C-alpha atoms as a PDB file:
ATOM      1  CA  MET A   1      -0.172   0.377  -0.270  1.00  0.00           C
ATOM      2  CA  LYS A   2       1.207   3.230  -1.206  1.00  0.00           C
ATOM      3  CA  ALA A   3       2.307   6.057   2.060  1.00  0.00           C
ATOM      4  CA  ILE A   4       0.187   8.058   0.688  1.00  0.00           C
ATOM      5  CA  THR A   5      -3.055   6.327   0.324  1.00  0.00           C
ATOM      6  CA  ARG A   6      -2.109   4.840   4.064  1.00  0.00           C
ATOM      7  CA  HIS A   7      -2.437   8.391   4.823  1.00  0.00           C
ATOM      8  CA  LYS A   8      -6.029   9.268   3.174  1.00  0.00           C
ATOM      9  CA  LEU A   9      -7.235   5.783   4.904  1.00  0.00           C
ATOM     10  CA  ARG A  10      -5.259   7.204   8.513  1.00  0.00           C
ATOM     11  CA  LYS A  11      -7.685  10.553   8.160  1.00  0.00           C
ATOM     12  CA  LEU A  12     -10.895   8.659   7.044  1.00  0.00           C
ATOM     13  CA  LEU A  13     -10.470   7.129  10.365  1.00  0.00           C
ATOM     14  CA  LYS A  14      -9.751  10.349  12.300  1.00  0.00           C
ATOM     15  CA  TYR A  15     -12.749  11.847  10.472  1.00  0.00           C
ATOM     16  CA  ALA A  16     -14.734   9.168  12.279  1.00  0.00           C
ATOM     17  CA  PHE A  17     -13.758   9.508  15.382  1.00  0.00           C
ATOM     18  CA  VAL A  18     -13.897  13.075  15.859  1.00  0.00           C
ATOM     19  CA  ALA A  19     -17.345  12.760  14.791  1.00  0.00           C
ATOM     20  CA  ALA A  20     -18.036   9.927  17.179  1.00  0.00           C
ATOM     21  CA  PHE A  21     -16.586  11.832  19.800  1.00  0.00           C
ATOM     22  CA  VAL A  22     -18.269  15.112  19.459  1.00  0.00           C
ATOM     23  CA  ALA A  23     -22.293  13.212  19.178  1.00  0.00           C
ATOM     24  CA  TRP A  24     -21.193  11.301  22.244  1.00  0.00           C
ATOM     25  CA  VAL A  25     -20.425  14.473  23.444  1.00  0.00           C
ATOM     26  CA  LEU A  26     -23.432  16.355  22.246  1.00  0.00           C
ATOM     27  CA  THR A  27     -25.670  13.384  23.722  1.00  0.00           C
ATOM     28  CA  LEU A  28     -24.141  13.640  27.749  1.00  0.00           C
ATOM     29  CA  PHE A  29     -25.493  16.865  27.475  1.00  0.00           C
ATOM     30  CA  SER A  30     -28.212  16.091  26.333  1.00  0.00           C
ATOM     31  CA  GLY A  31     -28.940  13.579  28.341  1.00  0.00           C
ATOM     32  CA  ASP A  32     -29.875  10.929  26.040  1.00  0.00           C
ATOM     33  CA  HIS A  33     -28.342   7.420  25.578  1.00  0.00           C
ATOM     34  CA  MET A  34     -26.109   6.430  23.115  1.00  0.00           C
ATOM     35  CA  GLY A  35     -25.856   2.720  21.848  1.00  0.00           C
ATOM     36  CA  VAL A  36     -23.551   0.930  19.589  1.00  0.00           C
ATOM     37  CA  LEU A  37     -25.254   1.381  16.842  1.00  0.00           C
ATOM     38  CA  VAL A  38     -25.925   4.654  16.963  1.00  0.00           C
ATOM     39  CA  LEU A  39     -22.425   5.058  17.963  1.00  0.00           C
ATOM     40  CA  GLY A  40     -21.487   3.309  14.418  1.00  0.00           C
ATOM     41  CA  ALA A  41     -24.066   5.175  12.427  1.00  0.00           C
ATOM     42  CA  TRP A  42     -22.199   8.832  13.542  1.00  0.00           C
ATOM     43  CA  MET A  43     -19.198   7.290  13.108  1.00  0.00           C
ATOM     44  CA  LEU A  44     -20.337   6.306   9.403  1.00  0.00           C
ATOM     45  CA  LEU A  45     -21.584   9.994   9.396  1.00  0.00           C
ATOM     46  CA  GLY A  46     -17.675  10.753   9.946  1.00  0.00           C
ATOM     47  CA  LEU A  47     -16.454   7.768   6.900  1.00  0.00           C
ATOM     48  CA  TRP A  48     -18.777   9.833   4.870  1.00  0.00           C
ATOM     49  CA  THR A  49     -17.857  13.333   6.048  1.00  0.00           C
ATOM     50  CA  GLY A  50     -14.331  12.644   4.833  1.00  0.00           C
ATOM     51  CA  VAL A  51     -15.315  10.839   1.265  1.00  0.00           C
ATOM     52  CA  LEU A  52     -16.651  13.523   0.336  1.00  0.00           C
ATOM     53  CA  GLU A  53     -14.010  16.373   1.813  1.00  0.00           C
ATOM     54  CA  GLU A  54     -11.452  13.876   0.772  1.00  0.00           C
ATOM     55  CA  TYR A  55     -11.931  12.837  -2.636  1.00  0.00           C
ATOM     56  CA  LEU A  56     -14.892  15.336  -4.047  1.00  0.00           C
ATOM     57  CA  PHE A  57     -13.994  18.951  -2.201  1.00  0.00           C
ATOM     58  CA  GLY A  58     -10.483  18.976  -0.743  1.00  0.00           C
ATOM     59  CA  ARG A  59      -9.056  20.787  -4.027  1.00  0.00           C
ATOM     60  CA  ARG A  60     -11.562  23.206  -5.023  1.00  0.00           C
ATOM     61  CA  PHE A  61     -11.346  24.774  -2.625  1.00  0.00           C
ATOM     62  CA  ARG A  62      -6.722  25.145  -1.945  1.00  0.00           C
ATOM     63  CA  ALA A  63      -7.360  28.492  -3.630  1.00  0.00           C
ATOM     64  CA  MET A  64     -10.023  30.103  -1.855  1.00  0.00           C
ATOM     65  CA  ALA A  65      -8.611  31.999   1.878  1.00  0.00           C
ATOM     66  CA  ILE A  66      -8.911  29.650   4.130  1.00  0.00           C
ATOM     67  CA  PRO A  67     -12.345  30.820   6.384  1.00  0.00           C
ATOM     68  CA  PHE A  68     -13.604  30.223   2.643  1.00  0.00           C
ATOM     69  CA  GLN A  69     -12.524  27.087   2.500  1.00  0.00           C
ATOM     70  CA  PHE A  70     -14.035  26.159   6.005  1.00  0.00           C
ATOM     71  CA  LEU A  71     -17.009  27.022   5.178  1.00  0.00           C
ATOM     72  CA  GLY A  72     -17.317  26.000   1.743  1.00  0.00           C
ATOM     73  CA  LYS A  73     -16.167  22.412   2.149  1.00  0.00           C
ATOM     74  CA  VAL A  74     -19.422  22.940   5.628  1.00  0.00           C
ATOM     75  CA  VAL A  75     -21.291  24.089   3.382  1.00  0.00           C
ATOM     76  CA  LEU A  76     -21.772  21.398   0.393  1.00  0.00           C
ATOM     77  CA  VAL A  77     -20.622  18.355   2.675  1.00  0.00           C
ATOM     78  CA  ASN A  78     -23.960  19.299   4.784  1.00  0.00           C
ATOM     79  CA  LEU A  79     -25.698  19.645   1.654  1.00  0.00           C
ATOM     80  CA  PHE A  80     -24.719  15.788   0.493  1.00  0.00           C
ATOM     81  CA  THR A  81     -25.458  14.746   3.756  1.00  0.00           C
ATOM     82  CA  VAL A  82     -28.628  15.851   3.547  1.00  0.00           C
ATOM     83  CA  LEU A  83     -29.085  14.562  -0.013  1.00  0.00           C
ATOM     84  CA  LEU A  84     -28.518  11.733   1.075  1.00  0.00           C
ATOM     85  CA  ILE A  85     -31.085  11.356   4.166  1.00  0.00           C
ATOM     86  CA  GLY A  86     -33.611  12.061   1.115  1.00  0.00           C
ATOM     87  CA  VAL A  87     -32.335   9.681  -1.080  1.00  0.00           C
ATOM     88  CA  ALA A  88     -32.601   7.076   1.409  1.00  0.00           C
ATOM     89  CA  TRP A  89     -36.343   7.826   2.243  1.00  0.00           C
ATOM     90  CA  LEU A  90     -37.373   8.075  -1.498  1.00  0.00           C
ATOM     91  CA  TRP A  91     -36.254   4.852  -1.681  1.00  0.00           C
ATOM     92  CA  ASN A  92     -39.042   3.992   0.397  1.00  0.00           C
ATOM     93  CA  SER A  93     -40.769   6.757   0.093  1.00  0.00           C
ATOM     94  CA  ASP A  94     -44.066   5.328   1.918  1.00  0.00           C
ATOM     95  CA  ARG A  95     -42.782   4.352   5.024  1.00  0.00           C
ATOM     96  CA  PHE A  96     -39.631   5.356   7.097  1.00  0.00           C
ATOM     97  CA  THR A  97     -38.028   4.627  10.627  1.00  0.00           C
ATOM     98  CA  MET A  98     -35.619   6.518  12.464  1.00  0.00           C
ATOM     99  CA  LEU A  99     -32.950   6.419  14.518  1.00  0.00           C
ATOM    100  CA  ALA A 100     -34.293   6.878  17.754  1.00  0.00           C
ATOM    101  CA  SER A 101     -37.843   4.485  17.370  1.00  0.00           C
ATOM    102  CA  ASP A 102     -38.644   1.326  16.215  1.00  0.00           C
ATOM    103  CA  VAL A 103     -42.191   3.111  15.056  1.00  0.00           C
ATOM    104  CA  PRO A 104     -42.405   3.475  11.221  1.00  0.00           C
ATOM    105  CA  TYR A 105     -43.608   7.013  10.365  1.00  0.00           C
ATOM    106  CA  ARG A 106     -45.329   8.177   6.308  1.00  0.00           C
ATOM    107  CA  MET A 107     -42.717  11.031   4.775  1.00  0.00           C
ATOM    108  CA  TYR A 108     -44.905  13.981   6.088  1.00  0.00           C
ATOM    109  CA  GLU A 109     -45.222  12.903   9.477  1.00  0.00           C
ATOM    110  CA  ILE A 110     -41.485  12.775  10.044  1.00  0.00           C
ATOM    111  CA  PHE A 111     -40.965  16.668   8.569  1.00  0.00           C
ATOM    112  CA  GLY A 112     -43.379  18.240  11.050  1.00  0.00           C
ATOM    113  CA  MET A 113     -41.551  16.455  13.819  1.00  0.00           C
ATOM    114  CA  ALA A 114     -39.479  18.351  16.028  1.00  0.00           C
ATOM    115  CA  GLU A 115     -36.718  16.077  16.216  1.00  0.00           C
ATOM    116  CA  PHE A 116     -36.422  15.637  12.806  1.00  0.00           C
ATOM    117  CA  TYR A 117     -34.927  19.215  12.954  1.00  0.00           C
ATOM    118  CA  ARG A 118     -32.987  18.581  16.155  1.00  0.00           C
ATOM    119  CA  LEU A 119     -31.771  14.980  14.705  1.00  0.00           C
ATOM    120  CA  LEU A 120     -30.778  17.693  11.880  1.00  0.00           C
ATOM    121  CA  LEU A 121     -28.953  20.225  13.307  1.00  0.00           C
ATOM    122  CA  ARG A 122     -26.739  17.624  15.201  1.00  0.00           C
ATOM    123  CA  VAL A 123     -25.347  16.261  12.209  1.00  0.00           C
ATOM    124  CA  ILE A 124     -24.778  19.356  10.742  1.00  0.00           C
ATOM    125  CA  VAL A 125     -22.508  20.380  13.802  1.00  0.00           C
ATOM    126  CA  VAL A 126     -21.103  17.207  14.531  1.00  0.00           C
ATOM    127  CA  SER A 127     -20.227  17.332  10.476  1.00  0.00           C
ATOM    128  CA  SER A 128     -18.300  20.573  10.911  1.00  0.00           C
ATOM    129  CA  ILE A 129     -16.632  20.455  13.619  1.00  0.00           C
ATOM    130  CA  ALA A 130     -15.387  17.269  12.076  1.00  0.00           C
ATOM    131  CA  ILE A 131     -13.954  18.919   9.306  1.00  0.00           C
ATOM    132  CA  LEU A 132     -12.952  21.214  11.650  1.00  0.00           C
ATOM    133  CA  VAL A 133     -10.589  19.425  13.666  1.00  0.00           C
ATOM    134  CA  VAL A 134      -9.473  16.888  10.771  1.00  0.00           C
ATOM    135  CA  GLN A 135      -8.114  20.168   9.054  1.00  0.00           C
ATOM    136  CA  VAL A 136      -6.206  22.142  11.106  1.00  0.00           C
ATOM    137  CA  GLU A 137      -3.854  18.998  12.344  1.00  0.00           C
ATOM    138  CA  GLU A 138      -4.115  19.164   8.911  1.00  0.00           C
ATOM    139  CA  TRP A 139      -2.636  22.185   8.263  1.00  0.00           C
ATOM    140  CA  MET A 140      -0.356  22.836  12.315  1.00  0.00           C
ATOM    141  CA  GLY A 141       0.639  18.979  11.268  1.00  0.00           C
ATOM    142  CA  ARG A 142      -0.129  15.606  13.552  1.00  0.00           C
ATOM    143  CA  ARG A 143       3.126  15.985  16.415  1.00  0.00           C
ATOM    144  CA  THR A 144       2.862  20.213  16.078  1.00  0.00           C
ATOM    145  CA  PHE A 145      -1.303  19.883  16.715  1.00  0.00           C
ATOM    146  CA  LEU A 146      -0.788  17.238  19.336  1.00  0.00           C
ATOM    147  CA  GLY A 147       1.948  19.521  21.254  1.00  0.00           C
ATOM    148  CA  PHE A 148      -0.114  22.554  21.105  1.00  0.00           C
ATOM    149  CA  LEU A 149      -3.122  20.871  21.866  1.00  0.00           C
ATOM    150  CA  LEU A 150      -1.692  19.222  25.016  1.00  0.00           C
ATOM    151  CA  GLY A 151       0.375  22.083  25.964  1.00  0.00           C
ATOM    152  CA  ARG A 152       3.331  20.062  24.816  1.00  0.00           C
ATOM    153  CA  TYR A 153       5.669  23.146  24.228  1.00  0.00           C
ATOM    154  CA  GLU A 154       4.220  26.132  26.369  1.00  0.00           C
ATOM    155  CA  ARG A 155       7.914  25.428  28.359  1.00  0.00           C
ATOM    156  CA  PRO A 156      11.306  24.889  26.287  1.00  0.00           C
ATOM    157  CA  LYS A 157      11.587  21.068  25.394  1.00  0.00           C
ATOM    158  CA  ALA A 158      14.641  19.810  25.212  1.00  0.00           C
ATOM    159  CA  GLU A 159      14.411  16.989  23.192  1.00  0.00           C
ATOM    160  CA  GLU A 160      16.383  14.719  20.895  1.00  0.00           C
ATOM    161  CA  ARG A 161      15.121  15.358  16.819  1.00  0.00           C
ATOM    162  CA  VAL A 162      16.974  14.831  13.342  1.00  0.00           C
ATOM    163  CA  VAL A 163      16.695  18.143  11.123  1.00  0.00           C
ATOM    164  CA  LEU A 164      16.844  17.781   7.581  1.00  0.00           C
ATOM    165  CA  THR A 165      16.947  20.949   5.297  1.00  0.00           C
ATOM    166  CA  MET A 166      16.814  21.369   1.763  1.00  0.00           C
ATOM    167  CA  ASP A 167      17.301  23.515  -0.579  1.00  0.00           C
ATOM    168  CA  LEU A 168      16.803  24.760  -4.227  1.00  0.00           C
ATOM    169  CA  VAL A 169      20.135  25.254  -6.539  1.00  0.00           C
ATOM    170  CA  GLY A 170      20.380  28.552  -8.160  1.00  0.00           C
ATOM    171  CA  SER A 171      16.719  29.554  -6.689  1.00  0.00           C
ATOM    172  CA  THR A 172      17.193  33.393  -7.692  1.00  0.00           C
ATOM    173  CA  ALA A 173      17.946  32.744 -11.581  1.00  0.00           C
ATOM    174  CA  ILE A 174      14.472  31.162 -11.985  1.00  0.00           C
ATOM    175  CA  ALA A 175      12.756  33.628  -9.970  1.00  0.00           C
ATOM    176  CA  GLU A 176      14.235  36.163 -12.483  1.00  0.00           C
ATOM    177  CA  LYS A 177      13.243  33.616 -15.217  1.00  0.00           C
ATOM    178  CA  LEU A 178       9.882  32.708 -14.135  1.00  0.00           C
ATOM    179  CA  GLY A 179       9.069  35.681 -12.284  1.00  0.00           C
ATOM    180  CA  ASP A 180       7.493  35.909  -8.909  1.00  0.00           C
ATOM    181  CA  LEU A 181       3.812  34.491 -10.091  1.00  0.00           C
ATOM    182  CA  ARG A 182       5.155  31.923 -11.868  1.00  0.00           C
ATOM    183  CA  TYR A 183       8.322  30.899  -9.343  1.00  0.00           C
ATOM    184  CA  TYR A 184       5.960  31.021  -6.312  1.00  0.00           C
ATOM    185  CA  ARG A 185       3.190  28.731  -8.794  1.00  0.00           C
ATOM    186  CA  PHE A 186       6.685  26.866  -9.330  1.00  0.00           C
ATOM    187  CA  LEU A 187       7.459  26.196  -5.415  1.00  0.00           C
ATOM    188  CA  ASN A 188       3.973  24.708  -5.440  1.00  0.00           C
ATOM    189  CA  HIS A 189       4.566  22.330  -7.636  1.00  0.00           C
ATOM    190  CA  VAL A 190       7.095  20.685  -6.237  1.00  0.00           C
ATOM    191  CA  TYR A 191       6.591  20.564  -2.919  1.00  0.00           C
ATOM    192  CA  SER A 192       3.059  19.121  -3.684  1.00  0.00           C
ATOM    193  CA  LEU A 193       5.090  16.214  -5.596  1.00  0.00           C
ATOM    194  CA  MET A 194       7.215  15.889  -1.881  1.00  0.00           C
ATOM    195  CA  THR A 195       4.456  14.884  -0.176  1.00  0.00           C
ATOM    196  CA  ASP A 196       4.437  11.024  -0.698  1.00  0.00           C
ATOM    197  CA  ALA A 197       8.141  10.826   0.150  1.00  0.00           C
ATOM    198  CA  VAL A 198       6.768  12.471   3.508  1.00  0.00           C
ATOM    199  CA  LEU A 199       4.269  10.536   4.542  1.00  0.00           C
ATOM    200  CA  ARG A 200       6.609   7.335   2.558  1.00  0.00           C
ATOM    201  CA  ASN A 201       9.920   8.642   5.663  1.00  0.00           C
ATOM    202  CA  GLU A 202       7.328   9.815   8.338  1.00  0.00           C
ATOM    203  CA  ALA A 203       8.851  13.368   8.599  1.00  0.00           C
ATOM    204  CA  ASP A 204       7.143  16.683   9.608  1.00  0.00           C
ATOM    205  CA  ILE A 205       7.544  19.093   8.100  1.00  0.00           C
ATOM    206  CA  HIS A 206       9.157  22.049  10.589  1.00  0.00           C
ATOM    207  CA  LYS A 207       8.713  25.516   8.123  1.00  0.00           C
ATOM    208  CA  TYR A 208       9.346  26.776   4.523  1.00  0.00           C
ATOM    209  CA  VAL A 209      11.830  29.960   4.151  1.00  0.00           C
ATOM    210  CA  GLY A 210      10.810  31.105   0.779  1.00  0.00           C
ATOM    211  CA  ASP A 211      12.729  28.004  -1.744  1.00  0.00           C
ATOM    212  CA  GLU A 212      13.913  26.245   1.412  1.00  0.00           C
ATOM    213  CA  VAL A 213      12.141  23.015   3.322  1.00  0.00           C
ATOM    214  CA  ILE A 214      13.131  22.489   7.161  1.00  0.00           C
ATOM    215  CA  PHE A 215      12.328  18.861   7.944  1.00  0.00           C
ATOM    216  CA  THR A 216      12.079  16.747  11.229  1.00  0.00           C
ATOM    217  CA  TRP A 217      11.346  14.181  12.582  1.00  0.00           C
ATOM    218  CA  PRO A 218      12.071  12.935  17.015  1.00  0.00           C
ATOM    219  CA  MET A 219      15.534  11.196  16.687  1.00  0.00           C
ATOM    220  CA  ARG A 220      13.600   7.225  16.890  1.00  0.00           C
ATOM    221  CA  ILE A 221      11.622   8.258  13.413  1.00  0.00           C
ATOM    222  CA  GLY A 222      13.799   9.668  11.728  1.00  0.00           C
ATOM    223  CA  ILE A 223      16.878   6.800  11.881  1.00  0.00           C
ATOM    224  CA  ARG A 224      14.421   4.151  11.882  1.00  0.00           C
ATOM    225  CA  GLY A 225      14.877   2.643   8.552  1.00  0.00           C
ATOM    226  CA  SER A 226      16.966   5.369   7.267  1.00  0.00           C
ATOM    227  CA  ASN A 227      14.218   7.925   7.265  1.00  0.00           C
ATOM    228  CA  CYS A 228      16.469  10.790   7.621  1.00  0.00           C
ATOM    229  CA  LEU A 229      18.177   9.805   4.914  1.00  0.00           C
ATOM    230  CA  ASP A 230      15.550   8.507   2.413  1.00  0.00           C
ATOM    231  CA  LEU A 231      13.355  11.592   2.146  1.00  0.00           C
ATOM    232  CA  TYR A 232      15.999  13.847   0.177  1.00  0.00           C
ATOM    233  CA  PHE A 233      16.430  10.275  -2.286  1.00  0.00           C
ATOM    234  CA  ASP A 234      12.498   9.642  -2.172  1.00  0.00           C
ATOM    235  CA  VAL A 235      11.888  13.633  -3.111  1.00  0.00           C
ATOM    236  CA  MET A 236      14.143  13.673  -5.954  1.00  0.00           C
ATOM    237  CA  GLU A 237      13.641  10.153  -7.374  1.00  0.00           C
ATOM    238  CA  ARG A 238       9.500  11.911  -7.280  1.00  0.00           C
ATOM    239  CA  ILE A 239      10.959  15.450  -9.153  1.00  0.00           C
ATOM    240  CA  GLU A 240      12.929  12.958 -12.144  1.00  0.00           C
ATOM    241  CA  GLU A 241       9.997  11.380 -12.513  1.00  0.00           C
ATOM    242  CA  HIS A 242       8.035  14.645 -13.230  1.00  0.00           C
ATOM    243  CA  ALA A 243      10.688  15.801 -15.219  1.00  0.00           C
ATOM    244  CA  GLY A 244       8.786  15.974 -18.282  1.00  0.00           C
ATOM    245  CA  ASP A 245       5.582  17.881 -17.214  1.00  0.00           C
ATOM    246  CA  PHE A 246       8.635  21.034 -15.497  1.00  0.00           C
ATOM    247  CA  GLU A 247      10.012  21.616 -18.664  1.00  0.00           C
ATOM    248  CA  ARG A 248       7.158  22.135 -20.781  1.00  0.00           C
ATOM    249  CA  GLU A 249       5.664  24.464 -17.519  1.00  0.00           C
ATOM    250  CA  TYR A 250       8.290  25.827 -16.631  1.00  0.00           C
ATOM    251  CA  GLY A 251      11.190  25.098 -18.562  1.00  0.00           C
ATOM    252  CA  ILE A 252      12.963  24.098 -15.749  1.00  0.00           C
ATOM    253  CA  ILE A 253      13.511  21.224 -13.967  1.00  0.00           C
ATOM    254  CA  PRO A 254      14.750  21.584  -9.846  1.00  0.00           C
ATOM    255  CA  GLU A 255      17.644  21.022  -7.904  1.00  0.00           C
ATOM    256  CA  TYR A 256      17.779  20.518  -4.700  1.00  0.00           C
ATOM    257  CA  ARG A 257      20.637  20.325  -1.952  1.00  0.00           C
ATOM    258  CA  ALA A 258      20.256  18.994   1.267  1.00  0.00           C
ATOM    259  CA  SER A 259      22.440  18.999   4.437  1.00  0.00           C
ATOM    260  CA  VAL A 260      21.106  16.118   7.868  1.00  0.00           C
ATOM    261  CA  HIS A 261      21.793  16.380  11.139  1.00  0.00           C
ATOM    262  CA  GLY A 262      20.972  15.713  14.531  1.00  0.00           C
ATOM    263  CA  GLY A 263      20.882  15.664  18.128  1.00  0.00           C
ATOM    264  CA  ARG A 264      19.488  17.614  21.427  1.00  0.00           C
ATOM    265  CA  VAL A 265      17.222  21.010  20.096  1.00  0.00           C
ATOM    266  CA  ILE A 266      14.473  22.832  22.330  1.00  0.00           C
ATOM    267  CA  SER A 267      11.493  22.952  21.176  1.00  0.00           C
ATOM    268  CA  ALA A 268       9.367  25.886  22.713  1.00  0.00           C
ATOM    269  CA  GLN A 269       5.981  27.365  21.368  1.00  0.00           C
ATOM    270  CA  VAL A 270       6.979  31.304  20.566  1.00  0.00           C
ATOM    271  CA  GLY A 271       4.957  34.668  20.055  1.00  0.00           C
ATOM    272  CA  HIS A 272       1.444  36.097  21.195  1.00  0.00           C
ATOM    273  CA  VAL A 273      -0.596  37.545  18.785  1.00  0.00           C
ATOM    274  CA  LYS A 274       0.444  34.286  16.306  1.00  0.00           C
ATOM    275  CA  ARG A 275       2.257  31.593  18.001  1.00  0.00           C
ATOM    276  CA  THR A 276       4.724  28.558  15.989  1.00  0.00           C
ATOM    277  CA  LEU A 277       6.551  26.098  16.884  1.00  0.00           C
ATOM    278  CA  ASP A 278      10.469  26.824  16.954  1.00  0.00           C
ATOM    279  CA  LEU A 279      13.343  24.858  17.364  1.00  0.00           C
ATOM    280  CA  SER A 280      16.589  26.012  18.110  1.00  0.00           C
ATOM    281  CA  GLY A 281      20.248  25.176  18.979  1.00  0.00           C
ATOM    282  CA  ASP A 282      23.317  24.231  18.042  1.00  0.00           C
ATOM    283  CA  VAL A 283      21.896  21.503  15.994  1.00  0.00           C
ATOM    284  CA  MET A 284      19.561  24.104  14.244  1.00  0.00           C
ATOM    285  CA  ASN A 285      23.398  26.488  13.288  1.00  0.00           C
ATOM    286  CA  SER A 286      25.049  23.356  12.304  1.00  0.00           C
ATOM    287  CA  VAL A 287      22.443  22.085   9.704  1.00  0.00           C
ATOM    288  CA  SER A 288      22.779  25.338   8.112  1.00  0.00           C
ATOM    289  CA  ARG A 289      26.109  25.641   7.656  1.00  0.00           C
ATOM    290  CA  MET A 290      26.662  22.309   6.730  1.00  0.00           C
ATOM    291  CA  LEU A 291      24.006  23.070   3.847  1.00  0.00           C
ATOM    292  CA  GLY A 292      26.392  26.064   2.979  1.00  0.00           C
ATOM    293  CA  LEU A 293      29.109  23.771   2.267  1.00  0.00           C
ATOM    294  CA  ALA A 294      27.007  21.675   0.416  1.00  0.00           C
ATOM    295  CA  LYS A 295      27.302  24.081  -1.868  1.00  0.00           C
ATOM    296  CA  ALA A 296      29.821  25.149  -2.245  1.00  0.00           C
ATOM    297  CA  MET A 297      31.077  21.433  -2.578  1.00  0.00           C
ATOM    298  CA  LYS A 298      28.643  21.356  -4.819  1.00  0.00           C
ATOM    299  CA  VAL A 299      27.414  17.719  -3.464  1.00  0.00           C
ATOM    300  CA  ASP A 300      23.647  16.849  -3.000  1.00  0.00           C
ATOM    301  CA  LEU A 301      23.466  14.856   0.754  1.00  0.00           C
ATOM    302  CA  LEU A 302      25.848  15.684   3.336  1.00  0.00           C
ATOM    303  CA  ALA A 303      25.454  13.999   6.724  1.00  0.00           C
ATOM    304  CA  SER A 304      26.628  14.372   9.821  1.00  0.00           C
ATOM    305  CA  ALA A 305      29.414  11.596  11.234  1.00  0.00           C
ATOM    306  CA  GLU A 306      27.305  11.909  14.225  1.00  0.00           C
ATOM    307  CA  LEU A 307      23.870  11.575  13.136  1.00  0.00           C
ATOM    308  CA  LEU A 308      25.394   8.568  10.898  1.00  0.00           C
ATOM    309  CA  GLN A 309      27.037   6.586  13.476  1.00  0.00           C
ATOM    310  CA  ARG A 310      23.308   6.583  14.933  1.00  0.00           C
ATOM    311  CA  ILE A 311      21.838   4.423  11.879  1.00  0.00           C
ATOM    312  CA  PRO A 312      24.040   1.137  11.861  1.00  0.00           C
ATOM    313  CA  ASP A 313      22.830  -0.010   8.647  1.00  0.00           C
ATOM    314  CA  ALA A 314      22.939   3.747   6.643  1.00  0.00           C
ATOM    315  CA  GLY A 315      26.107   1.569   4.590  1.00  0.00           C
ATOM    316  CA  SER A 316      23.933  -1.610   3.182  1.00  0.00           C
ATOM    317  CA  ARG A 317      21.953   0.849   1.580  1.00  0.00           C
ATOM    318  CA  PHE A 318      24.696   4.034   1.261  1.00  0.00           C
ATOM    319  CA  LEU A 319      27.716   5.087  -0.475  1.00  0.00           C
ATOM    320  CA  ILE A 320      29.517   7.080   2.679  1.00  0.00           C
ATOM    321  CA  GLY A 321      31.630   9.581   1.210  1.00  0.00           C
ATOM    322  CA  GLU A 322      34.299  11.027   2.945  1.00  0.00           C
ATOM    323  CA  GLN A 323      34.998  12.922   5.902  1.00  0.00           C
ATOM    324  CA  HIS A 324      34.872  16.792   6.031  1.00  0.00           C
ATOM    325  CA  VAL A 325      35.209  18.878   8.676  1.00  0.00           C
ATOM    326  CA  VAL A 326      32.132  22.575   8.640  1.00  0.00           C
ATOM    327  CA  PRO A 327      33.551  25.235  11.419  1.00  0.00           C
ATOM    328  CA  VAL A 328      30.666  26.197  12.501  1.00  0.00           C
ATOM    329  CA  LYS A 329      29.858  29.567  14.180  1.00  0.00           C
ATOM    330  CA  GLY A 330      30.538  29.921  17.889  1.00  0.00           C
ATOM    331  CA  LYS A 331      31.629  26.538  18.659  1.00  0.00           C
ATOM    332  CA  ARG A 332      34.760  25.572  19.330  1.00  0.00           C
ATOM    333  CA  LYS A 333      34.047  21.638  18.537  1.00  0.00           C
ATOM    334  CA  GLU A 334      33.700  21.547  14.473  1.00  0.00           C
ATOM    335  CA  VAL A 335      31.472  18.803  12.823  1.00  0.00           C
ATOM    336  CA  ARG A 336      32.575  16.466  10.594  1.00  0.00           C
ATOM    337  CA  VAL A 337      29.642  15.583   7.602  1.00  0.00           C
ATOM    338  CA  HIS A 338      30.028  13.014   5.093  1.00  0.00           C
ATOM    339  CA  THR A 339      28.455  12.896   2.144  1.00  0.00           C
ATOM    340  CA  VAL A 340      25.882  10.327   1.172  1.00  0.00           C
ATOM    341  CA  GLU A 341      24.893   8.410  -1.417  1.00  0.00           C
ATOM    342  CA  ARG A 342      21.933   6.204  -2.262  1.00  0.00           C
ATOM    343  CA  ILE A 343      22.276   2.950  -3.941  1.00  0.00           C
ATOM    344  CA  SER A 344      20.055   1.131  -3.142  1.00  0.00           C
ATOM    345  CA  THR A 345      16.393   1.378  -1.992  1.00  0.00           C
ATOM    346  CA  LEU A 346      13.977  -0.898   0.626  1.00  0.00           C
ATOM    347  CA  GLU A 347      12.324  -3.333  -0.746  1.00  0.00           C
END
C-alpha cells in the first residue's frame, strides 16, 4: 500500500473518530442514551464526511482563503448529507424508520417532527466540527497539533531530533526567469510532489523558508529505516519522474541540495499574537552551516558523522563518502560530515 493511500485511510478514520466523539459529547449534554448502533451510525457519518472532503471537495477550495475553504466544505458536505438522507427516504417513500425509534413514520409526519430537525442540526454540528478539527490538524501537522493541544510546548522542551534542510539550486536565477507569480506556482508544484515522500518517511515539515524546506523527526523515527536519509532521495526521484512536466510548463527541472544532522534541540512555542513552534540550538546552527558547505562543494547531500553513527545499517544502502569538517560559528567543536549517495532502496 502506498504511503499516500495509508495517509488517506488514516484521515478517513480521523473523521470517523472525531465525529463519534463529538456526537457522544453532545449526547451526554442532552441526556440521551447512545447505544453501540447509534455510535456506529455517527462514525459512518464521519467516514461519509471524510470521503466527500478528501475525494470530492478537498482540492476545489485550495485557492480560497482558509475561512472560505472551511465554510465551502461545510456547506457542500452537509448539503450532500441531507441529500443522501432524502434519497434514503425516497427509496422507501411510503414509510421510514427513524434512528431513535422502531416505529415507522410516513414522510409528511417526519417533516413535521421537532425530533427530525434536532437530528438534522446535530448532523450539521458534528460534521462541521469534524471538518474543522481534521483540517486544523492537517495544516499544523499531527505532532505539532497534539503538542499545542496538550500544552506540550508551553515551556521550552529539550528533545532529541533529526533535522533535514533542503535548498533549491539556483533559486535567484529561476525566480528572475519565471517572475514572482510563476515562481511561487513552481515552488508549490515541487512541494506537492514531496507529499508522498514525506508521508512514506514519516517526516514533519517544520517550515518553508522561501525556497528552503526544513523537515524534522523525533530521533527514533528519523533514524528508523534510515528515514532521514531516504527522504531526500525519494523527493529527488519524484521530481525526476515529473521532469517532463516541469520542462514543458516552466522550462526548468528543479534540483535540491540538502544537509541532515541530529541531536539535542530546544522546542518551544513562541509568539503571542501569532503562535508557532520554533526549534533552536546547536543542531539548527550546524545543519545550516552544513548546507552552505554542500553548496560550496556542489554535492547533493551531507550528513553529520554523529548522526550516521546512530544509523548502524546506513552503509548497507548508502555510499558514505570521505569525511569533511565544518566550522560552526560560536562553537569550538567542529562538525564532521560525509557525503551520502543512495545505492539501493528498501524492498
